[in-house]
Amino acid sequence: MELELFASALRNVFEFNTFSSMVIGLVLGVLSGALPGLTATMSVALLLPLTFGMDPLSGILVLISIIFGAIYGGSIPAIMLKTPGTPAAAVTVLDGYEMAKQGSGGRAMSISIVSAVFGGLFSTAVLILVAPQLSRVALQFNSPEYFALAVFGLSIIISLSSVSLSKGIMIGLFGLLISMVGIDAISGVSRYTFGNVNLFGGFSFIPMLIGAFALSQVLVMIEEVYMGKTTEPPIKMKSVFPKLADLARCKWTMLRSAGIGAFIGSIPGTGADISAFLAYNETKRWSKNKDNLGKGEIEGVAAPETANSATAAGSFIPLLTLGIPGDSTTAVILGALIMQGVRPGPSLFNEQRELLYSIFSGMIVTNLLLLVIAFIGLRFFMKILTLKKEFLIPGVVILCVIGALAINNNFFDVWVMVFMGFLWYILTKCGFPQSPLIIALILGPMAEREFRRSLIISNGSYSIFFESPIVVILVSIAMITLFMPVLKPMYRKLRGKEVSSQ
């Protein structure tokens, strides 16, 4: 049965419209990753409205292709310009740029490509094996369990606010407040609309995403142009094809880093930048050449690039099985799935199995396509690094406006996008994180809806939340996560007293 599903799924993936969409998505993804300032999340948010005319599978796979392409693409400027194209590529700079300066830029780029593909394939295999098992547990969920799941998802805001906990909580509460605008799904009463008919359905999710992730970044790029910040031309390189000796040398590094990336990706609230640092740290721990790491060691490129790509696929585990985005990029993908009429969660594995397995197959094919496109188009992608931001900014602004209009053909959405863009530009300057807003916008309505449904089912009795062990476990984990910033200092203080007493 499973083999038949995969065979049917592969046929769906290799249909002309779907396959060509994936190729285009990969190219756009690599370009967005290679251009500093255009992140994977920003690219997905920008191009999301353009997928609404596609069938669900093509629309979803083109966005997934952009993610994998951008994750790899970030390594190109990291190695050749010492400027990470994406935050996840920041670790690649340490050894990649040193190799490029030593005349080994081709070796660094080749191992980057192979590592990214290996990490993506490894993590996709983990996704295929783990996701169905996890969904069987999630099939037991009713309203109380979904409420607990939403609370657990909202608690991720704490881990996403490592820089400033108070600012992360403030943005999360702001997102919850925005999510309440519109007609209440249970009572039918309008809330916070101020008589504006454009707000009866609430704020459109996609224009807000485009404003927060794309237009705000355009404003940053305008600031950089005004300040006179320009990028240097990339270092020239020779051959870009990998050597067997390099692959043999990095095989254990890639395998270990892929495992780290897949595990980190499956934990909601983490990200590729975290897994890259962890993978690099473990490589330094196990490497025979640990003293050379940071000075142009090929293992120092393989580790973060493998982990980055593995995290991208691993983040789909909580998304597809529980409906909880693993990071800000999969939060945008969650919005895309909902807009396409696909509701991620345990029911997806029973009601839309063919679509699910088509997504799995598409992720495998995407990574194999990346191997081909990256090697063939690398020299072209290198030339893109010289593109001036003055020419890039107008095109991105036009895409922002088109994307906001494409949702409802309502110019009010454009004003929402512009407002969010300027607001988020200011908030970013003040050190506020972006991800808590997205998490709150998505999971806030779900938490409120399922909480009230649970009370309706139990005739107002709160005991319904203590009858299910799943609810107790999820809420307990959420509470531990919420109070972790308080518990950690207390634990360190106690440990310090124990050590001093000994």
Protein backbone atom coordinates (compact mmCIF):
# COMPACT_ATOMS: atom_id res chain seq x y z
CA MET A 1 0.00 0.00 0.00
CA GLU A 2 2.78 2.41 0.96
CA LEU A 3 4.74 1.58 -2.21
CA GLU A 4 1.65 2.19 -4.34
CA LEU A 5 1.17 5.56 -2.66
CA PHE A 6 4.78 6.53 -3.32
CA ALA A 7 4.51 5.41 -6.96
CA SER A 8 1.37 7.51 -7.41
CA ALA A 9 3.03 10.40 -5.56
CA LEU A 10 6.08 10.30 -7.85
CA ARG A 11 3.81 10.43 -10.89
CA ASN A 12 2.16 13.52 -9.43
CA VAL A 13 5.55 15.16 -8.80
CA PHE A 14 6.81 14.51 -12.34
CA GLU A 15 3.78 16.06 -13.99
CA PHE A 16 4.99 18.95 -16.15
CA ASN A 17 3.36 21.79 -14.20
CA THR A 18 4.52 20.49 -10.82
CA PHE A 19 8.05 19.59 -11.92
CA SER A 20 8.63 22.87 -13.77
CA SER A 21 7.33 24.79 -10.73
CA MET A 22 9.89 23.01 -8.54
CA VAL A 23 12.73 23.89 -10.93
CA ILE A 24 11.68 27.55 -10.99
CA GLY A 25 11.30 27.54 -7.19
CA LEU A 26 14.81 26.12 -6.71
CA VAL A 27 16.39 28.72 -8.98
CA LEU A 28 14.52 31.54 -7.26
CA GLY A 29 15.44 30.08 -3.88
CA VAL A 30 19.17 29.91 -4.67
CA LEU A 31 19.06 33.47 -6.02
CA SER A 32 17.28 34.76 -2.91
CA GLY A 33 19.75 32.97 -0.65
CA ALA A 34 22.73 34.22 -2.64
CA LEU A 35 21.64 37.86 -2.43
CA PRO A 36 22.40 39.15 1.08
CA GLY A 37 19.21 40.64 2.49
CA LEU A 38 16.81 38.25 0.73
CA THR A 39 16.21 35.42 3.23
CA ALA A 40 14.29 32.17 2.68
CA THR A 41 11.38 33.40 4.81
CA MET A 42 11.21 36.69 2.93
CA SER A 43 11.23 34.90 -0.44
CA VAL A 44 8.49 32.46 0.59
CA ALA A 45 6.34 35.29 1.95
CA LEU A 46 6.84 37.32 -1.25
CA LEU A 47 6.02 34.52 -3.67
CA LEU A 48 3.23 32.93 -1.62
CA PRO A 49 0.40 34.91 -3.26
CA LEU A 50 1.61 33.81 -6.71
CA THR A 51 0.92 30.16 -5.82
CA PHE A 52 -2.80 30.61 -5.17
CA GLY A 53 -3.67 29.98 -8.82
CA MET A 54 -1.75 26.69 -8.76
CA ASP A 55 -3.05 23.33 -7.66
CA PRO A 56 -2.24 22.59 -3.97
CA LEU A 57 0.68 20.23 -4.69
CA SER A 58 2.45 22.55 -7.15
CA GLY A 59 1.90 25.55 -4.89
CA ILE A 60 3.30 23.79 -1.83
CA LEU A 61 6.28 22.20 -3.61
CA VAL A 62 7.37 25.46 -5.23
CA LEU A 63 7.58 27.03 -1.75
CA ILE A 64 9.45 24.02 -0.37
CA SER A 65 11.87 24.27 -3.32
CA ILE A 66 12.48 27.93 -2.50
CA ILE A 67 13.35 26.99 1.09
CA PHE A 68 15.89 24.29 0.14
CA GLY A 69 17.35 26.50 -2.59
CA ALA A 70 17.71 29.51 -0.28
CA ILE A 71 19.29 27.48 2.52
CA TYR A 72 22.01 26.33 0.12
CA GLY A 73 22.21 29.69 -1.67
CA GLY A 74 23.19 31.46 1.55
CA SER A 75 26.55 29.65 1.45
CA ILE A 76 27.58 31.26 -1.87
CA PRO A 77 28.20 34.80 -0.56
CA ALA A 78 29.30 33.34 2.79
CA ILE A 79 32.19 31.54 1.08
CA MET A 80 33.00 34.02 -1.70
CA LEU A 81 32.23 37.37 -0.02
CA LYS A 82 32.42 36.63 3.73
CA THR A 83 28.78 37.79 3.83
CA PRO A 84 26.23 35.11 4.80
CA GLY A 85 23.23 35.25 2.48
CA THR A 86 21.01 33.84 5.23
CA PRO A 87 21.46 33.78 9.03
CA ALA A 88 21.98 30.02 8.86
CA ALA A 89 25.10 30.50 6.70
CA ALA A 90 26.89 32.62 9.31
CA VAL A 91 28.90 29.62 10.54
CA THR A 92 29.93 28.68 6.98
CA VAL A 93 31.85 31.96 6.78
CA LEU A 94 34.38 30.79 9.39
CA ASP A 95 36.10 28.21 7.21
CA GLY A 96 34.49 28.79 3.79
CA TYR A 97 35.90 32.27 3.26
CA GLU A 98 39.33 31.21 4.53
CA MET A 99 39.35 28.40 1.95
CA ALA A 100 38.34 30.86 -0.78
CA LYS A 101 41.20 33.22 0.17
CA GLN A 102 43.59 30.27 -0.04
CA GLY A 103 42.44 29.52 -3.61
CA SER A 104 40.17 26.61 -2.61
CA GLY A 105 36.85 28.36 -3.16
CA GLY A 106 35.81 25.66 -5.66
CA ARG A 107 36.42 22.91 -3.10
CA ALA A 108 34.42 24.82 -0.50
CA MET A 109 31.51 25.41 -2.88
CA SER A 110 31.45 21.77 -4.05
CA ILE A 111 31.36 20.34 -0.54
CA SER A 112 28.70 22.92 0.35
CA ILE A 113 26.47 21.65 -2.46
CA VAL A 114 26.93 17.97 -1.61
CA SER A 115 26.46 18.61 2.12
CA ALA A 116 23.24 20.56 1.56
CA VAL A 117 21.78 17.79 -0.61
CA PHE A 118 22.84 15.04 1.79
CA GLY A 119 21.37 16.89 4.78
CA GLY A 120 18.08 17.45 2.96
CA LEU A 121 17.77 13.80 1.86
CA PHE A 122 18.70 12.45 5.30
CA SER A 123 16.20 14.66 7.10
CA THR A 124 13.45 13.90 4.56
CA ALA A 125 13.97 10.19 5.22
CA VAL A 126 13.62 10.88 8.96
CA LEU A 127 10.45 12.87 8.24
CA ILE A 128 8.92 9.99 6.25
CA LEU A 129 9.70 7.49 9.03
CA VAL A 130 8.76 9.60 12.07
CA ALA A 131 5.79 11.67 10.89
CA PRO A 132 3.26 8.81 10.44
CA GLN A 133 4.06 7.38 13.88
CA LEU A 134 3.66 10.76 15.57
CA SER A 135 0.39 11.40 13.73
CA ARG A 136 -1.15 8.20 15.16
CA VAL A 137 -0.76 9.63 18.64
CA ALA A 138 -2.15 12.98 17.49
CA LEU A 139 -5.28 11.30 16.04
CA GLN A 140 -6.60 11.01 19.59
CA PHE A 141 -6.86 14.80 19.83
CA ASN A 142 -10.16 16.55 20.55
CA SER A 143 -10.84 20.18 21.50
CA PRO A 144 -9.03 20.01 24.91
CA GLU A 145 -5.97 18.38 23.29
CA TYR A 146 -5.90 20.94 20.49
CA PHE A 147 -6.11 23.74 23.05
CA ALA A 148 -3.18 22.23 24.97
CA LEU A 149 -1.28 21.87 21.70
CA ALA A 150 -1.87 25.53 20.89
CA VAL A 151 -0.69 26.54 24.37
CA PHE A 152 2.43 24.43 23.87
CA GLY A 153 3.00 26.12 20.51
CA LEU A 154 2.58 29.57 22.04
CA SER A 155 5.10 28.69 24.75
CA ILE A 156 7.69 28.39 21.96
CA ILE A 157 7.71 32.19 21.97
CA ILE A 158 9.95 31.95 25.04
CA SER A 159 12.63 29.96 23.20
CA LEU A 160 12.32 32.27 20.19
CA SER A 161 13.04 35.28 22.42
CA SER A 162 16.54 34.38 23.56
CA VAL A 163 17.85 37.90 22.86
CA SER A 164 15.17 39.66 24.93
CA LEU A 165 12.47 37.69 26.71
CA SER A 166 10.36 40.74 27.53
CA LYS A 167 10.40 41.95 23.92
CA GLY A 168 9.45 38.49 22.64
CA ILE A 169 6.50 38.28 25.03
CA MET A 170 5.38 41.81 24.07
CA ILE A 171 5.39 40.93 20.38
CA GLY A 172 3.57 37.66 21.11
CA LEU A 173 0.85 39.53 23.01
CA PHE A 174 0.64 42.04 20.15
CA GLY A 175 0.09 39.14 17.74
CA LEU A 176 -2.63 37.68 19.98
CA LEU A 177 -4.37 41.05 20.06
CA ILE A 178 -4.29 41.35 16.26
CA SER A 179 -5.61 37.80 15.88
CA MET A 180 -8.77 38.80 17.81
CA VAL A 181 -9.78 41.43 15.25
CA GLY A 182 -12.87 40.46 13.23
CA ILE A 183 -16.04 38.44 13.79
CA ASP A 184 -15.80 35.95 16.66
CA ALA A 185 -16.02 32.39 15.29
CA ILE A 186 -18.09 31.14 18.26
CA SER A 187 -20.51 33.97 19.09
CA GLY A 188 -20.54 35.87 15.78
CA VAL A 189 -19.86 39.20 17.52
CA SER A 190 -17.52 41.66 15.78
CA ARG A 191 -14.45 42.64 17.81
CA TYR A 192 -12.05 45.59 17.42
CA THR A 193 -13.31 46.41 13.92
CA PHE A 194 -14.31 50.03 14.72
CA GLY A 195 -17.05 49.74 12.11
CA ASN A 196 -14.58 49.13 9.26
CA VAL A 197 -16.00 46.44 6.95
CA ASN A 198 -12.45 45.58 5.80
CA LEU A 199 -11.74 44.25 9.31
CA PHE A 200 -14.78 41.99 9.67
CA GLY A 201 -12.72 39.07 8.45
CA GLY A 202 -9.72 40.14 10.51
CA PHE A 203 -6.35 41.28 9.18
CA SER A 204 -5.25 39.26 6.13
CA PHE A 205 -2.39 37.00 7.18
CA ILE A 206 -0.35 37.10 3.96
CA PRO A 207 -0.14 40.93 3.57
CA MET A 208 1.05 41.10 7.18
CA LEU A 209 3.71 38.49 6.45
CA ILE A 210 4.87 40.31 3.33
CA GLY A 211 5.10 43.56 5.27
CA ALA A 212 6.95 42.06 8.23
CA PHE A 213 9.41 39.88 6.32
CA ALA A 214 9.78 41.52 2.91
CA LEU A 215 9.00 45.25 2.98
CA SER A 216 10.81 45.76 6.30
CA GLN A 217 13.91 44.16 4.75
CA VAL A 218 13.57 46.48 1.73
CA LEU A 219 13.73 49.42 4.12
CA VAL A 220 16.91 47.95 5.62
CA MET A 221 18.38 47.65 2.11
CA ILE A 222 17.45 51.29 1.37
CA GLU A 223 19.23 52.30 4.56
CA GLU A 224 22.34 50.34 3.52
CA VAL A 225 22.36 52.02 0.10
CA TYR A 226 21.97 55.42 1.74
CA MET A 227 24.83 54.64 4.15
CA GLY A 228 27.01 53.58 1.22
CA LYS A 229 27.41 49.93 2.23
CA THR A 230 28.43 47.92 -0.86
CA THR A 231 29.61 44.35 -1.35
CA GLU A 232 33.01 43.48 -2.78
CA PRO A 233 33.28 41.42 -5.99
CA PRO A 234 33.49 37.67 -5.26
CA ILE A 235 36.80 35.83 -5.21
CA LYS A 236 37.44 33.90 -8.42
CA MET A 237 37.47 30.11 -8.28
CA LYS A 238 38.52 27.25 -10.52
CA SER A 239 36.89 23.80 -10.53
CA VAL A 240 33.60 23.35 -8.63
CA PHE A 241 33.31 19.56 -8.73
CA PRO A 242 33.98 17.65 -5.49
CA LYS A 243 36.95 15.38 -5.00
CA LEU A 244 36.44 11.84 -3.72
CA ALA A 245 39.09 12.45 -1.05
CA ASP A 246 37.09 15.42 0.31
CA LEU A 247 33.85 13.42 0.36
CA ALA A 248 35.55 10.52 2.17
CA ARG A 249 37.07 12.92 4.67
CA CYS A 250 33.73 14.58 5.45
CA LYS A 251 31.44 11.53 5.45
CA TRP A 252 31.21 11.16 9.25
CA THR A 253 30.97 14.91 9.72
CA MET A 254 28.05 15.05 7.29
CA LEU A 255 26.29 12.07 8.89
CA ARG A 256 26.66 13.47 12.42
CA SER A 257 25.60 16.97 11.34
CA ALA A 258 22.57 15.62 9.45
CA GLY A 259 21.40 13.87 12.62
CA ILE A 260 21.85 17.06 14.65
CA GLY A 261 20.03 19.13 12.03
CA ALA A 262 17.07 16.74 11.76
CA PHE A 263 16.71 16.60 15.55
CA ILE A 264 16.96 20.38 16.03
CA GLY A 265 14.51 20.96 13.18
CA SER A 266 11.92 18.69 14.77
CA ILE A 267 11.91 20.83 17.93
CA PRO A 268 9.52 23.79 17.45
CA GLY A 269 11.08 27.16 18.09
CA THR A 270 14.63 26.29 17.06
CA GLY A 271 16.22 27.05 13.72
CA ALA A 272 18.95 26.34 11.19
CA ASP A 273 21.33 28.86 12.78
CA ILE A 274 21.20 26.93 16.08
CA SER A 275 21.80 23.56 14.42
CA ALA A 276 24.68 25.01 12.37
CA PHE A 277 26.49 26.19 15.50
CA LEU A 278 25.84 22.88 17.29
CA ALA A 279 27.05 20.84 14.31
CA TYR A 280 30.17 22.99 14.01
CA ASN A 281 30.84 22.62 17.73
CA GLU A 282 30.50 18.82 17.56
CA THR A 283 32.75 18.73 14.51
CA LYS A 284 35.36 20.63 16.49
CA ARG A 285 34.95 18.14 19.33
CA TRP A 286 35.42 15.05 17.15
CA SER A 287 37.74 16.31 14.41
CA LYS A 288 41.37 15.21 14.23
CA ASN A 289 42.15 18.68 12.84
CA LYS A 290 40.27 20.69 15.46
CA ASP A 291 43.07 23.26 15.70
CA ASN A 292 42.65 24.07 11.99
CA LEU A 293 38.92 24.72 12.20
CA GLY A 294 38.31 28.38 11.51
CA LYS A 295 41.44 28.55 9.36
CA GLY A 296 40.08 26.98 6.18
CA GLU A 297 39.12 23.38 7.09
CA ILE A 298 36.73 21.63 4.69
CA GLU A 299 34.92 19.89 7.55
CA GLY A 300 34.05 23.36 8.85
CA VAL A 301 32.03 23.93 5.68
CA ALA A 302 30.43 20.48 5.52
CA ALA A 303 29.12 20.55 9.11
CA PRO A 304 26.99 23.73 9.07
CA GLU A 305 25.76 23.25 5.51
CA THR A 306 24.58 19.69 6.21
CA ALA A 307 22.90 20.76 9.45
CA ASN A 308 21.21 23.78 7.81
CA SER A 309 19.55 21.71 5.11
CA ALA A 310 18.63 18.89 7.51
CA THR A 311 16.94 21.39 9.81
CA ALA A 312 14.84 22.71 6.93
CA ALA A 313 13.33 19.27 6.32
CA GLY A 314 13.17 18.40 10.03
CA SER A 315 11.04 21.46 10.76
CA PHE A 316 8.25 19.87 8.70
CA ILE A 317 7.85 17.10 11.31
CA PRO A 318 5.91 19.21 13.85
CA LEU A 319 4.26 21.17 11.02
CA LEU A 320 2.71 18.19 9.21
CA THR A 321 1.94 16.01 12.24
CA LEU A 322 0.78 18.59 14.80
CA GLY A 323 0.15 21.74 12.77
CA ILE A 324 2.83 23.61 14.75
CA PRO A 325 5.45 25.47 12.66
CA GLY A 326 9.01 24.52 13.51
CA ASP A 327 10.36 27.99 12.64
CA SER A 328 9.33 31.24 10.99
CA THR A 329 9.72 29.80 7.48
CA THR A 330 7.43 26.84 8.14
CA ALA A 331 5.04 29.30 9.79
CA VAL A 332 4.67 30.89 6.36
CA ILE A 333 4.30 27.42 4.81
CA LEU A 334 1.52 26.73 7.34
CA GLY A 335 -0.26 29.81 6.06
CA ALA A 336 0.20 28.55 2.49
CA LEU A 337 -1.24 25.13 3.34
CA ILE A 338 -4.29 26.68 5.00
CA MET A 339 -4.85 29.03 2.06
CA GLN A 340 -4.73 25.99 -0.25
CA GLY A 341 -7.39 24.23 1.81
CA VAL A 342 -4.93 21.83 3.45
CA ARG A 343 -5.03 21.69 7.26
CA PRO A 344 -1.79 20.21 8.67
CA GLY A 345 -2.23 17.85 11.58
CA PRO A 346 -3.06 14.23 12.32
CA SER A 347 -6.10 14.16 10.03
CA LEU A 348 -3.84 14.95 7.07
CA PHE A 349 -2.40 11.42 7.26
CA ASN A 350 -5.85 9.86 6.83
CA GLU A 351 -7.79 12.32 4.70
CA GLN A 352 -5.12 13.47 2.22
CA ARG A 353 -2.51 10.72 2.21
CA GLU A 354 -1.74 10.97 -1.50
CA LEU A 355 -1.05 14.70 -1.19
CA LEU A 356 1.12 14.05 1.86
CA TYR A 357 3.20 11.38 0.14
CA SER A 358 3.46 13.62 -2.91
CA ILE A 359 4.99 16.28 -0.64
CA PHE A 360 7.44 13.68 0.72
CA SER A 361 8.36 12.58 -2.81
CA GLY A 362 8.65 16.20 -3.92
CA MET A 363 11.14 16.92 -1.13
CA ILE A 364 13.33 14.03 -2.28
CA VAL A 365 13.17 15.13 -5.92
CA THR A 366 13.83 18.75 -4.90
CA ASN A 367 17.08 17.83 -3.20
CA LEU A 368 18.25 15.76 -6.18
CA LEU A 369 17.35 18.64 -8.51
CA LEU A 370 19.32 21.00 -6.29
CA LEU A 371 22.44 18.88 -6.84
CA VAL A 372 22.12 19.32 -10.62
CA ILE A 373 21.02 22.97 -10.67
CA ALA A 374 23.65 24.07 -8.14
CA PHE A 375 26.58 22.60 -10.11
CA ILE A 376 25.29 23.75 -13.51
CA GLY A 377 24.28 27.25 -12.44
CA LEU A 378 26.94 28.06 -9.84
CA ARG A 379 28.91 30.45 -12.07
CA PHE A 380 25.68 32.26 -12.98
CA PHE A 381 24.70 32.51 -9.31
CA MET A 382 28.16 33.96 -8.62
CA LYS A 383 27.52 36.78 -11.11
CA ILE A 384 24.28 37.62 -9.30
CA LEU A 385 26.40 38.58 -6.28
CA THR A 386 27.53 41.68 -8.17
CA LEU A 387 23.93 42.93 -8.64
CA LYS A 388 23.50 46.33 -7.01
CA LYS A 389 20.78 46.80 -4.43
CA GLU A 390 19.64 49.97 -6.20
CA PHE A 391 18.30 47.77 -9.01
CA LEU A 392 16.94 45.09 -6.66
CA ILE A 393 14.85 47.34 -4.39
CA PRO A 394 12.21 48.54 -6.93
CA GLY A 395 11.51 44.99 -8.11
CA VAL A 396 11.00 43.73 -4.56
CA VAL A 397 8.67 46.65 -3.74
CA ILE A 398 6.55 45.88 -6.83
CA LEU A 399 6.36 42.21 -5.77
CA CYS A 400 5.28 43.28 -2.28
CA VAL A 401 2.39 45.35 -3.66
CA ILE A 402 1.31 42.64 -6.14
CA GLY A 403 1.50 39.99 -3.42
CA ALA A 404 -0.65 42.00 -1.02
CA LEU A 405 -3.24 42.77 -3.70
CA ALA A 406 -3.40 39.18 -4.98
CA ILE A 407 -5.14 37.85 -1.86
CA ASN A 408 -8.47 39.68 -1.89
CA ASN A 409 -8.05 42.28 -4.67
CA ASN A 410 -8.51 44.85 -1.92
CA PHE A 411 -6.20 47.86 -1.69
CA PHE A 412 -6.78 47.90 2.07
CA ASP A 413 -4.43 44.89 2.25
CA VAL A 414 -1.69 46.98 0.62
CA TRP A 415 -2.01 49.56 3.39
CA VAL A 416 -1.84 46.73 5.96
CA MET A 417 1.34 45.48 4.28
CA VAL A 418 2.90 48.98 4.22
CA PHE A 419 1.98 49.61 7.87
CA MET A 420 3.47 46.27 8.97
CA GLY A 421 6.60 46.92 6.91
CA PHE A 422 7.35 50.27 8.53
CA LEU A 423 6.27 49.04 11.97
CA TRP A 424 8.52 46.00 11.73
CA TYR A 425 11.45 48.03 10.43
CA ILE A 426 11.23 50.15 13.60
CA LEU A 427 10.70 47.13 15.88
CA THR A 428 13.68 45.32 14.33
CA LYS A 429 15.85 48.36 15.03
CA CYS A 430 14.67 48.13 18.63
CA GLY A 431 15.65 44.46 18.86
CA PHE A 432 12.21 42.84 18.73
CA PRO A 433 12.11 39.29 17.27
CA GLN A 434 9.82 38.47 14.33
CA SER A 435 8.87 34.83 14.92
CA PRO A 436 6.70 35.34 18.07
CA LEU A 437 4.30 37.50 16.03
CA ILE A 438 3.79 34.76 13.43
CA ILE A 439 3.33 32.05 16.07
CA ALA A 440 0.75 34.19 17.91
CA LEU A 441 -1.17 35.06 14.73
CA ILE A 442 -1.48 31.39 13.75
CA LEU A 443 -1.98 29.67 17.10
CA GLY A 444 -3.85 32.44 18.98
CA PRO A 445 -7.22 31.87 17.25
CA MET A 446 -6.82 28.11 17.58
CA ALA A 447 -6.16 28.36 21.34
CA GLU A 448 -9.17 30.62 21.92
CA ARG A 449 -11.52 28.57 19.69
CA GLU A 450 -10.64 25.17 21.17
CA PHE A 451 -10.69 26.50 24.74
CA ARG A 452 -14.22 27.81 24.33
CA ARG A 453 -15.38 24.67 22.51
CA SER A 454 -14.03 22.56 25.35
CA LEU A 455 -16.01 24.59 27.89
CA ILE A 456 -19.15 24.25 25.76
CA ILE A 457 -18.68 20.47 25.63
CA SER A 458 -18.18 20.26 29.43
CA ASN A 459 -20.98 22.75 30.28
CA GLY A 460 -18.43 25.22 31.66
CA SER A 461 -16.47 22.69 33.74
CA TYR A 462 -12.68 23.16 33.71
CA SER A 463 -12.22 19.53 34.77
CA ILE A 464 -12.23 18.53 31.10
CA PHE A 465 -8.65 19.83 30.83
CA PHE A 466 -7.44 17.43 33.54
CA GLU A 467 -9.11 14.27 32.22
CA SER A 468 -6.76 13.70 29.29
CA PRO A 469 -3.12 12.70 29.96
CA ILE A 470 -2.13 14.29 26.64
CA VAL A 471 -3.47 17.67 27.83
CA VAL A 472 -1.66 17.35 31.15
CA ILE A 473 1.64 16.45 29.46
CA LEU A 474 1.46 19.22 26.84
CA VAL A 475 0.44 21.92 29.32
CA SER A 476 3.13 20.76 31.77
CA ILE A 477 5.80 21.02 29.08
CA ALA A 478 4.44 24.45 28.13
CA MET A 479 4.61 25.61 31.75
CA ILE A 480 8.19 24.35 32.10
CA THR A 481 9.10 26.21 28.90
CA LEU A 482 7.40 29.39 30.12
CA PHE A 483 9.14 29.36 33.49
CA MET A 484 12.53 28.16 32.20
CA PRO A 485 14.05 31.69 32.25
CA VAL A 486 13.22 31.83 35.98
CA LEU A 487 14.18 28.22 36.77
CA LYS A 488 17.60 28.36 35.05
CA PRO A 489 19.12 31.04 37.32
CA MET A 490 17.70 29.27 40.39
CA TYR A 491 19.25 25.98 39.26
CA ARG A 492 22.63 27.63 38.63
CA LYS A 493 22.50 29.28 42.03
CA LEU A 494 21.78 25.94 43.74
CA ARG A 495 24.57 24.25 41.77
CA GLY A 496 26.92 27.04 42.77
CA LYS A 497 26.09 26.53 46.46
CA GLU A 498 26.65 22.75 46.16
CA VAL A 499 30.02 23.24 44.52
CA SER A 500 31.13 25.84 47.11
CA SER A 501 30.02 23.58 50.01
CA GLN A 502 32.10 20.72 48.63
